[in-house]
Structure formats: C-alpha cells, structure tokens
Amino acid sequence: WNNTLDSLLVFAGLFAGILTAFVVESRHDLTEDPQERLLKQIVDLLSNSSSREPFQPNPSSLHVNGLWFTSLTLTLISALGGVLAKGWLAKY
C-alpha cells in the first residue's frame, strides 16, 4: 500500500503542476483585455457616446475554466487523501 500511495502522490503532484499551468493561462479569458478596454474608451470618447456594455466572458471560457478548477480541486483532494493514508499506514 505504501508504494502504491507513493506512486499516487507523485502522479497527483505532476498532474497538479500541469493543471496549474493550464489554469494560469486560461484564467486570462475571464477578464477583459486592458488594451481592448482602452481602445473602446477612446472610441467612445471620440464618438461622444458612452453606450459601452460591461465585459462578459464567453460561456465556453467559463465552462473550460470551471472544468480546469474542478480538476485541480479534485487532484489536490486526492493528494490530501493520499498523504493522510500514508500517515495512517506509518502509524499502524
């Protein structure tokens, strides 16, 4: 059991590291690009209108980021379970 848990923890650590890279990269789709916002403000200023809509991320970006965060959360929970199980095995 101890060797199996070691393998699980190594896999969970590598998987969490890779998932973190994906989360960091895809998180930018949830916020408005500052350059695009500045350009929209300039266009509104030049056209004397202020009918700019608030930023709404794409529904697909929301779903993808939700899946990335869920996967990372489940990976970290399984790693925590593995560490607790290793502690229990060491005690008994």
C-alpha atoms as a PDB file:
ATOM      1  CA  TRP A   1       0.000   0.000   0.000  1.00  0.00           C
ATOM      2  CA  ASN A   2       2.824   2.384   0.866  1.00  0.00           C
ATOM      3  CA  ASN A   3       4.464   2.090  -2.581  1.00  0.00           C
ATOM      4  CA  THR A   4       1.113   2.499  -4.308  1.00  0.00           C
ATOM      5  CA  LEU A   5       0.422   5.675  -2.350  1.00  0.00           C
ATOM      6  CA  ASP A   6       3.878   6.991  -3.252  1.00  0.00           C
ATOM      7  CA  SER A   7       3.065   6.488  -6.937  1.00  0.00           C
ATOM      8  CA  LEU A   8      -0.313   8.164  -6.488  1.00  0.00           C
ATOM      9  CA  LEU A   9       1.265  11.173  -4.787  1.00  0.00           C
ATOM     10  CA  VAL A  10       3.915  11.564  -7.493  1.00  0.00           C
ATOM     11  CA  PHE A  11       1.250  11.381 -10.199  1.00  0.00           C
ATOM     12  CA  ALA A  12      -1.014  13.819  -8.340  1.00  0.00           C
ATOM     13  CA  GLY A  13       1.852  16.276  -7.885  1.00  0.00           C
ATOM     14  CA  LEU A  14       2.818  16.193 -11.553  1.00  0.00           C
ATOM     15  CA  PHE A  15      -0.802  16.408 -12.667  1.00  0.00           C
ATOM     16  CA  ALA A  16      -1.480  19.344 -10.328  1.00  0.00           C
ATOM     17  CA  GLY A  17       1.571  21.172 -11.666  1.00  0.00           C
ATOM     18  CA  ILE A  18       0.423  20.735 -15.243  1.00  0.00           C
ATOM     19  CA  LEU A  19      -3.131  21.738 -14.367  1.00  0.00           C
ATOM     20  CA  THR A  20      -1.856  24.861 -12.631  1.00  0.00           C
ATOM     21  CA  ALA A  21      -0.134  25.932 -15.843  1.00  0.00           C
ATOM     22  CA  PHE A  22      -3.391  25.478 -17.764  1.00  0.00           C
ATOM     23  CA  VAL A  23      -5.395  27.342 -15.102  1.00  0.00           C
ATOM     24  CA  VAL A  24      -2.987  30.284 -15.124  1.00  0.00           C
ATOM     25  CA  GLU A  25      -3.101  30.508 -18.912  1.00  0.00           C
ATOM     26  CA  SER A  26      -6.866  30.090 -19.345  1.00  0.00           C
ATOM     27  CA  ARG A  27      -7.724  32.446 -16.468  1.00  0.00           C
ATOM     28  CA  HIS A  28      -6.926  35.409 -18.705  1.00  0.00           C
ATOM     29  CA  ASP A  29     -10.019  34.647 -20.807  1.00  0.00           C
ATOM     30  CA  LEU A  30     -12.222  35.557 -17.841  1.00  0.00           C
ATOM     31  CA  THR A  31     -11.076  39.190 -17.692  1.00  0.00           C
ATOM     32  CA  GLU A  32     -11.213  41.950 -20.240  1.00  0.00           C
ATOM     33  CA  ASP A  33      -8.032  42.809 -22.098  1.00  0.00           C
ATOM     34  CA  PRO A  34      -6.809  46.197 -20.785  1.00  0.00           C
ATOM     35  CA  GLN A  35      -5.671  47.344 -24.233  1.00  0.00           C
ATOM     36  CA  GLU A  36      -9.026  46.482 -25.772  1.00  0.00           C
ATOM     37  CA  ARG A  37     -10.820  48.323 -22.958  1.00  0.00           C
ATOM     38  CA  LEU A  38      -8.641  51.400 -23.523  1.00  0.00           C
ATOM     39  CA  LEU A  39      -9.364  51.348 -27.247  1.00  0.00           C
ATOM     40  CA  LYS A  40     -13.097  51.098 -26.583  1.00  0.00           C
ATOM     41  CA  GLN A  41     -12.881  54.063 -24.210  1.00  0.00           C
ATOM     42  CA  ILE A  42     -11.049  56.089 -26.849  1.00  0.00           C
ATOM     43  CA  VAL A  43     -13.687  55.240 -29.461  1.00  0.00           C
ATOM     44  CA  ASP A  44     -16.449  56.196 -27.027  1.00  0.00           C
ATOM     45  CA  LEU A  45     -14.692  59.470 -26.267  1.00  0.00           C
ATOM     46  CA  LEU A  46     -14.245  60.325 -29.936  1.00  0.00           C
ATOM     47  CA  SER A  47     -17.821  59.444 -30.826  1.00  0.00           C
ATOM     48  CA  ASN A  48     -19.264  61.277 -27.773  1.00  0.00           C
ATOM     49  CA  SER A  49     -21.168  58.221 -26.626  1.00  0.00           C
ATOM     50  CA  SER A  50     -20.953  56.105 -23.537  1.00  0.00           C
ATOM     51  CA  SER A  51     -23.060  53.131 -24.516  1.00  0.00           C
ATOM     52  CA  ARG A  52     -20.384  50.607 -23.722  1.00  0.00           C
ATOM     53  CA  GLU A  53     -21.594  47.247 -22.425  1.00  0.00           C
ATOM     54  CA  PRO A  54     -19.874  45.642 -19.435  1.00  0.00           C
ATOM     55  CA  PHE A  55     -17.454  42.826 -20.179  1.00  0.00           C
ATOM     56  CA  GLN A  56     -18.949  39.342 -20.320  1.00  0.00           C
ATOM     57  CA  PRO A  57     -16.642  36.330 -20.792  1.00  0.00           C
ATOM     58  CA  ASN A  58     -17.596  33.706 -23.340  1.00  0.00           C
ATOM     59  CA  PRO A  59     -19.731  30.882 -21.950  1.00  0.00           C
ATOM     60  CA  SER A  60     -17.213  28.388 -23.340  1.00  0.00           C
ATOM     61  CA  SER A  61     -14.416  30.116 -21.378  1.00  0.00           C
ATOM     62  CA  LEU A  62     -16.491  29.852 -18.219  1.00  0.00           C
ATOM     63  CA  HIS A  63     -17.105  26.138 -18.778  1.00  0.00           C
ATOM     64  CA  VAL A  64     -13.476  25.362 -19.626  1.00  0.00           C
ATOM     65  CA  ASN A  65     -12.180  27.268 -16.600  1.00  0.00           C
ATOM     66  CA  GLY A  66     -14.760  25.572 -14.402  1.00  0.00           C
ATOM     67  CA  LEU A  67     -13.519  22.185 -15.576  1.00  0.00           C
ATOM     68  CA  TRP A  68      -9.866  23.152 -15.018  1.00  0.00           C
ATOM     69  CA  PHE A  69     -10.563  24.402 -11.489  1.00  0.00           C
ATOM     70  CA  THR A  70     -12.696  21.358 -10.668  1.00  0.00           C
ATOM     71  CA  SER A  71      -9.994  19.023 -11.907  1.00  0.00           C
ATOM     72  CA  LEU A  72      -7.327  20.833  -9.891  1.00  0.00           C
ATOM     73  CA  THR A  73      -9.503  20.746  -6.768  1.00  0.00           C
ATOM     74  CA  LEU A  74     -10.169  17.021  -7.110  1.00  0.00           C
ATOM     75  CA  THR A  75      -6.467  16.358  -7.691  1.00  0.00           C
ATOM     76  CA  LEU A  76      -5.488  18.254  -4.557  1.00  0.00           C
ATOM     77  CA  ILE A  77      -8.176  16.496  -2.525  1.00  0.00           C
ATOM     78  CA  SER A  78      -6.920  13.106  -3.708  1.00  0.00           C
ATOM     79  CA  ALA A  79      -3.350  14.112  -2.838  1.00  0.00           C
ATOM     80  CA  LEU A  80      -4.526  15.121   0.626  1.00  0.00           C
ATOM     81  CA  GLY A  81      -6.237  11.750   0.981  1.00  0.00           C
ATOM     82  CA  GLY A  82      -3.022  10.024  -0.080  1.00  0.00           C
ATOM     83  CA  VAL A  83      -0.976  11.929   2.481  1.00  0.00           C
ATOM     84  CA  LEU A  84      -3.492  11.118   5.222  1.00  0.00           C
ATOM     85  CA  ALA A  85      -3.460   7.456   4.224  1.00  0.00           C
ATOM     86  CA  LYS A  86       0.357   7.390   4.309  1.00  0.00           C
ATOM     87  CA  GLY A  87       0.265   8.896   7.781  1.00  0.00           C
ATOM     88  CA  TRP A  88      -2.219   6.276   8.883  1.00  0.00           C
ATOM     89  CA  LEU A  89      -0.061   3.492   7.405  1.00  0.00           C
ATOM     90  CA  ALA A  90       3.021   4.849   9.157  1.00  0.00           C
ATOM     91  CA  LYS A  91       1.195   4.906  12.472  1.00  0.00           C
ATOM     92  CA  TYR A  92      -0.180   1.380  12.189  1.00  0.00           C
END
